[in-house]
Amino acid sequence: MDEYILNEHNKEEFPPAHTAEHLLNQTMIRIFGCERSYNAHVERKKSKMSFYLDHKPTRQEEKEIERQMQQLIADDLPVTFEFVSRDELPEGISADRLPQDASDTIRLVRIGHYDVCPCIGRHVRSTSQIGRFEMLGTNWDEHEHSFRVRFKIVQ
């Protein structure tokens, strides 16, 4: 087995919530055409993620976020890892958010055919291990066009 030297990781994630973070990022991208979260605090008890959007989501859109998250968890998508050179990132994968001192070898985390992004954190083996995604609430900042999603993972 190849040994890869990756960056040191200074955080001990709760794997179910951290994997849900990946799913929520991609769900927001697909529903709203936005970027991945610009601010995320993902913890065992409750989490929050913020996105820049072009409009305040409707109640129906908020329900669709939760519905899609539940479906992705139920779909039992495999979570796999792939190691690539920083110079050979697949199309659509940006190095913009990697730390300045990121290693030459980058670990990509794939969740089925749904999401892929660079990440060195801990994850579950498949989405059915996440548990239940519960949206606790949302906030809209009209001035910033920022949408915050607060959620928890119930196991």
C-alpha atoms as a PDB file:
ATOM      1  CA  MET A   1       0.000   0.000   0.000  1.00  0.00           C
ATOM      2  CA  ASP A   2       1.277   3.453  -0.862  1.00  0.00           C
ATOM      3  CA  GLU A   3       2.001   5.844   1.981  1.00  0.00           C
ATOM      4  CA  TYR A   4       0.922   9.421   1.377  1.00  0.00           C
ATOM      5  CA  ILE A   5       2.159  12.389   3.326  1.00  0.00           C
ATOM      6  CA  LEU A   6      -0.723  14.744   3.964  1.00  0.00           C
ATOM      7  CA  ASN A   7      -1.085  17.888   6.005  1.00  0.00           C
ATOM      8  CA  GLU A   8      -1.449  17.603   9.753  1.00  0.00           C
ATOM      9  CA  HIS A   9      -5.067  17.808  10.787  1.00  0.00           C
ATOM     10  CA  ASN A  10      -5.877  19.758  13.939  1.00  0.00           C
ATOM     11  CA  LYS A  11      -9.528  18.812  14.372  1.00  0.00           C
ATOM     12  CA  GLU A  12     -11.334  15.672  15.456  1.00  0.00           C
ATOM     13  CA  GLU A  13     -14.587  15.664  13.472  1.00  0.00           C
ATOM     14  CA  PHE A  14     -17.764  13.808  14.309  1.00  0.00           C
ATOM     15  CA  PRO A  15     -17.748  11.679  11.114  1.00  0.00           C
ATOM     16  CA  PRO A  16     -21.555  11.545  10.578  1.00  0.00           C
ATOM     17  CA  ALA A  17     -21.928  15.342  10.780  1.00  0.00           C
ATOM     18  CA  HIS A  18     -18.779  15.940   8.755  1.00  0.00           C
ATOM     19  CA  THR A  19     -20.027  13.665   5.972  1.00  0.00           C
ATOM     20  CA  ALA A  20     -23.417  15.420   6.102  1.00  0.00           C
ATOM     21  CA  GLU A  21     -21.505  18.699   5.619  1.00  0.00           C
ATOM     22  CA  HIS A  22     -20.256  17.404   2.257  1.00  0.00           C
ATOM     23  CA  LEU A  23     -23.789  16.386   1.250  1.00  0.00           C
ATOM     24  CA  LEU A  24     -25.282  19.717   2.290  1.00  0.00           C
ATOM     25  CA  ASN A  25     -22.635  21.626   0.340  1.00  0.00           C
ATOM     26  CA  GLN A  26     -23.434  19.735  -2.860  1.00  0.00           C
ATOM     27  CA  THR A  27     -27.186  19.947  -2.247  1.00  0.00           C
ATOM     28  CA  MET A  28     -26.964  23.736  -1.955  1.00  0.00           C
ATOM     29  CA  ILE A  29     -24.848  23.903  -5.122  1.00  0.00           C
ATOM     30  CA  ARG A  30     -27.425  21.847  -7.026  1.00  0.00           C
ATOM     31  CA  ILE A  31     -30.502  23.684  -5.748  1.00  0.00           C
ATOM     32  CA  PHE A  32     -29.172  27.255  -5.761  1.00  0.00           C
ATOM     33  CA  GLY A  33     -26.138  27.234  -8.067  1.00  0.00           C
ATOM     34  CA  CYS A  34     -24.005  28.688  -5.262  1.00  0.00           C
ATOM     35  CA  GLU A  35     -20.480  27.961  -4.045  1.00  0.00           C
ATOM     36  CA  ARG A  36     -19.650  25.637  -1.165  1.00  0.00           C
ATOM     37  CA  SER A  37     -20.223  27.079   2.316  1.00  0.00           C
ATOM     38  CA  TYR A  38     -18.066  30.063   3.209  1.00  0.00           C
ATOM     39  CA  ASN A  39     -18.427  29.459   6.943  1.00  0.00           C
ATOM     40  CA  ALA A  40     -19.098  26.140   8.637  1.00  0.00           C
ATOM     41  CA  HIS A  41     -19.107  25.001  12.265  1.00  0.00           C
ATOM     42  CA  VAL A  42     -19.875  21.302  12.251  1.00  0.00           C
ATOM     43  CA  GLU A  43     -20.142  19.659  15.650  1.00  0.00           C
ATOM     44  CA  ARG A  44     -21.654  16.621  17.335  1.00  0.00           C
ATOM     45  CA  LYS A  45     -24.581  18.446  19.017  1.00  0.00           C
ATOM     46  CA  LYS A  46     -25.474  20.999  16.344  1.00  0.00           C
ATOM     47  CA  SER A  47     -23.945  22.527  13.268  1.00  0.00           C
ATOM     48  CA  LYS A  48     -24.300  25.595  11.097  1.00  0.00           C
ATOM     49  CA  MET A  49     -23.215  26.389   7.563  1.00  0.00           C
ATOM     50  CA  SER A  50     -23.514  29.671   5.658  1.00  0.00           C
ATOM     51  CA  PHE A  51     -23.890  30.181   1.917  1.00  0.00           C
ATOM     52  CA  TYR A  52     -24.017  33.220  -0.334  1.00  0.00           C
ATOM     53  CA  LEU A  53     -27.226  33.005  -2.391  1.00  0.00           C
ATOM     54  CA  ASP A  54     -28.897  35.253  -4.939  1.00  0.00           C
ATOM     55  CA  HIS A  55     -32.260  35.148  -3.106  1.00  0.00           C
ATOM     56  CA  LYS A  56     -33.840  34.260   0.202  1.00  0.00           C
ATOM     57  CA  PRO A  57     -34.950  30.625  -0.032  1.00  0.00           C
ATOM     58  CA  THR A  58     -38.668  29.966   0.103  1.00  0.00           C
ATOM     59  CA  ARG A  59     -40.153  27.620   2.679  1.00  0.00           C
ATOM     60  CA  GLN A  60     -40.584  25.074  -0.137  1.00  0.00           C
ATOM     61  CA  GLU A  61     -36.871  25.341  -1.005  1.00  0.00           C
ATOM     62  CA  GLU A  62     -35.950  24.852   2.652  1.00  0.00           C
ATOM     63  CA  LYS A  63     -38.129  21.725   2.780  1.00  0.00           C
ATOM     64  CA  GLU A  64     -36.475  20.499  -0.428  1.00  0.00           C
ATOM     65  CA  ILE A  65     -33.022  20.843   1.164  1.00  0.00           C
ATOM     66  CA  GLU A  66     -34.131  18.651   4.062  1.00  0.00           C
ATOM     67  CA  ARG A  67     -35.906  16.171   1.751  1.00  0.00           C
ATOM     68  CA  GLN A  68     -32.842  15.764  -0.460  1.00  0.00           C
ATOM     69  CA  MET A  69     -30.563  15.306   2.544  1.00  0.00           C
ATOM     70  CA  GLN A  70     -32.829  12.552   3.907  1.00  0.00           C
ATOM     71  CA  GLN A  71     -32.897  10.866   0.485  1.00  0.00           C
ATOM     72  CA  LEU A  72     -29.099  10.963   0.104  1.00  0.00           C
ATOM     73  CA  ILE A  73     -28.676   9.399   3.533  1.00  0.00           C
ATOM     74  CA  ALA A  74     -31.237   6.689   2.696  1.00  0.00           C
ATOM     75  CA  ASP A  75     -29.511   6.029  -0.661  1.00  0.00           C
ATOM     76  CA  ASP A  76     -26.557   4.575   1.290  1.00  0.00           C
ATOM     77  CA  LEU A  77     -23.967   6.148  -1.019  1.00  0.00           C
ATOM     78  CA  PRO A  78     -20.407   4.866  -0.565  1.00  0.00           C
ATOM     79  CA  VAL A  79     -17.798   7.286   0.806  1.00  0.00           C
ATOM     80  CA  THR A  80     -14.438   6.663  -0.860  1.00  0.00           C
ATOM     81  CA  PHE A  81     -11.046   8.338  -1.007  1.00  0.00           C
ATOM     82  CA  GLU A  82      -8.665   8.981  -3.859  1.00  0.00           C
ATOM     83  CA  PHE A  83      -5.181  10.470  -3.756  1.00  0.00           C
ATOM     84  CA  VAL A  84      -4.101  12.802  -6.547  1.00  0.00           C
ATOM     85  CA  SER A  85      -1.273  15.204  -7.205  1.00  0.00           C
ATOM     86  CA  ARG A  86      -2.074  18.845  -6.552  1.00  0.00           C
ATOM     87  CA  ASP A  87      -1.235  19.461 -10.234  1.00  0.00           C
ATOM     88  CA  GLU A  88      -3.670  16.764 -11.410  1.00  0.00           C
ATOM     89  CA  LEU A  89      -6.899  17.727  -9.679  1.00  0.00           C
ATOM     90  CA  PRO A  90      -9.917  16.539 -11.694  1.00  0.00           C
ATOM     91  CA  GLU A  91     -11.961  19.063 -13.639  1.00  0.00           C
ATOM     92  CA  GLY A  92     -14.267  21.022 -11.380  1.00  0.00           C
ATOM     93  CA  ILE A  93     -12.089  20.567  -8.292  1.00  0.00           C
ATOM     94  CA  SER A  94     -10.509  23.825  -7.200  1.00  0.00           C
ATOM     95  CA  ALA A  95      -7.348  24.226  -5.157  1.00  0.00           C
ATOM     96  CA  ASP A  96      -8.471  27.730  -4.119  1.00  0.00           C
ATOM     97  CA  ARG A  97      -9.529  26.696  -0.617  1.00  0.00           C
ATOM     98  CA  LEU A  98      -6.541  24.515   0.154  1.00  0.00           C
ATOM     99  CA  PRO A  99      -4.146  25.893   2.759  1.00  0.00           C
ATOM    100  CA  GLN A 100      -1.047  27.650   1.417  1.00  0.00           C
ATOM    101  CA  ASP A 101       1.126  24.856   2.792  1.00  0.00           C
ATOM    102  CA  ALA A 102      -1.054  22.005   1.471  1.00  0.00           C
ATOM    103  CA  SER A 103       0.898  18.910   0.528  1.00  0.00           C
ATOM    104  CA  ASP A 104       1.499  17.931  -3.100  1.00  0.00           C
ATOM    105  CA  THR A 105      -0.696  14.891  -2.539  1.00  0.00           C
ATOM    106  CA  ILE A 106      -4.349  15.782  -2.106  1.00  0.00           C
ATOM    107  CA  ARG A 107      -6.990  13.424  -0.721  1.00  0.00           C
ATOM    108  CA  LEU A 108     -10.308  13.649  -2.530  1.00  0.00           C
ATOM    109  CA  VAL A 109     -13.416  12.451  -0.741  1.00  0.00           C
ATOM    110  CA  ARG A 110     -16.130  11.059  -3.032  1.00  0.00           C
ATOM    111  CA  ILE A 111     -19.683  10.409  -1.934  1.00  0.00           C
ATOM    112  CA  GLY A 112     -21.118   8.157  -4.610  1.00  0.00           C
ATOM    113  CA  HIS A 113     -21.419  10.152  -7.821  1.00  0.00           C
ATOM    114  CA  TYR A 114     -22.928  13.031  -5.834  1.00  0.00           C
ATOM    115  CA  ASP A 115     -19.978  14.985  -4.431  1.00  0.00           C
ATOM    116  CA  VAL A 116     -16.195  15.118  -4.571  1.00  0.00           C
ATOM    117  CA  CYS A 117     -13.894  17.580  -2.852  1.00  0.00           C
ATOM    118  CA  PRO A 118     -10.474  17.775  -1.199  1.00  0.00           C
ATOM    119  CA  CYS A 119     -10.668  16.880   2.504  1.00  0.00           C
ATOM    120  CA  ILE A 120      -8.465  15.287   5.152  1.00  0.00           C
ATOM    121  CA  GLY A 121     -11.210  14.873   7.772  1.00  0.00           C
ATOM    122  CA  ARG A 122     -12.920  11.743   9.097  1.00  0.00           C
ATOM    123  CA  HIS A 123     -16.044  10.384   7.405  1.00  0.00           C
ATOM    124  CA  VAL A 124     -18.490   7.492   7.678  1.00  0.00           C
ATOM    125  CA  ARG A 125     -18.131   4.599   5.192  1.00  0.00           C
ATOM    126  CA  SER A 126     -21.548   5.155   3.617  1.00  0.00           C
ATOM    127  CA  THR A 127     -24.289   7.739   3.941  1.00  0.00           C
ATOM    128  CA  SER A 128     -26.725   5.421   5.746  1.00  0.00           C
ATOM    129  CA  GLN A 129     -24.342   5.620   8.738  1.00  0.00           C
ATOM    130  CA  ILE A 130     -25.000   9.357   9.092  1.00  0.00           C
ATOM    131  CA  GLY A 131     -28.323   9.010  10.896  1.00  0.00           C
ATOM    132  CA  ARG A 132     -31.164  11.504  10.475  1.00  0.00           C
ATOM    133  CA  PHE A 133     -30.561  15.051   9.238  1.00  0.00           C
ATOM    134  CA  GLU A 134     -32.748  17.565  11.100  1.00  0.00           C
ATOM    135  CA  MET A 135     -32.859  21.173  10.012  1.00  0.00           C
ATOM    136  CA  LEU A 136     -33.119  23.236  13.192  1.00  0.00           C
ATOM    137  CA  GLY A 137     -33.665  26.562  11.490  1.00  0.00           C
ATOM    138  CA  THR A 138     -32.355  29.068   8.996  1.00  0.00           C
ATOM    139  CA  ASN A 139     -31.410  32.728   8.927  1.00  0.00           C
ATOM    140  CA  TRP A 140     -31.318  35.121   5.979  1.00  0.00           C
ATOM    141  CA  ASP A 141     -29.142  38.241   5.942  1.00  0.00           C
ATOM    142  CA  GLU A 142     -30.549  40.455   3.191  1.00  0.00           C
ATOM    143  CA  HIS A 143     -27.611  42.844   3.214  1.00  0.00           C
ATOM    144  CA  GLU A 144     -25.007  40.074   2.819  1.00  0.00           C
ATOM    145  CA  HIS A 145     -27.266  37.733   0.838  1.00  0.00           C
ATOM    146  CA  SER A 146     -26.153  35.086   3.294  1.00  0.00           C
ATOM    147  CA  PHE A 147     -28.228  32.038   4.173  1.00  0.00           C
ATOM    148  CA  ARG A 148     -27.346  30.091   7.320  1.00  0.00           C
ATOM    149  CA  VAL A 149     -28.589  26.543   7.848  1.00  0.00           C
ATOM    150  CA  ARG A 150     -28.576  25.160  11.388  1.00  0.00           C
ATOM    151  CA  PHE A 151     -28.889  21.395  11.697  1.00  0.00           C
ATOM    152  CA  LYS A 152     -28.168  18.384  13.825  1.00  0.00           C
ATOM    153  CA  ILE A 153     -27.550  14.735  13.144  1.00  0.00           C
ATOM    154  CA  VAL A 154     -29.665  12.335  15.185  1.00  0.00           C
ATOM    155  CA  GLN A 155     -28.375   8.784  15.502  1.00  0.00           C
END
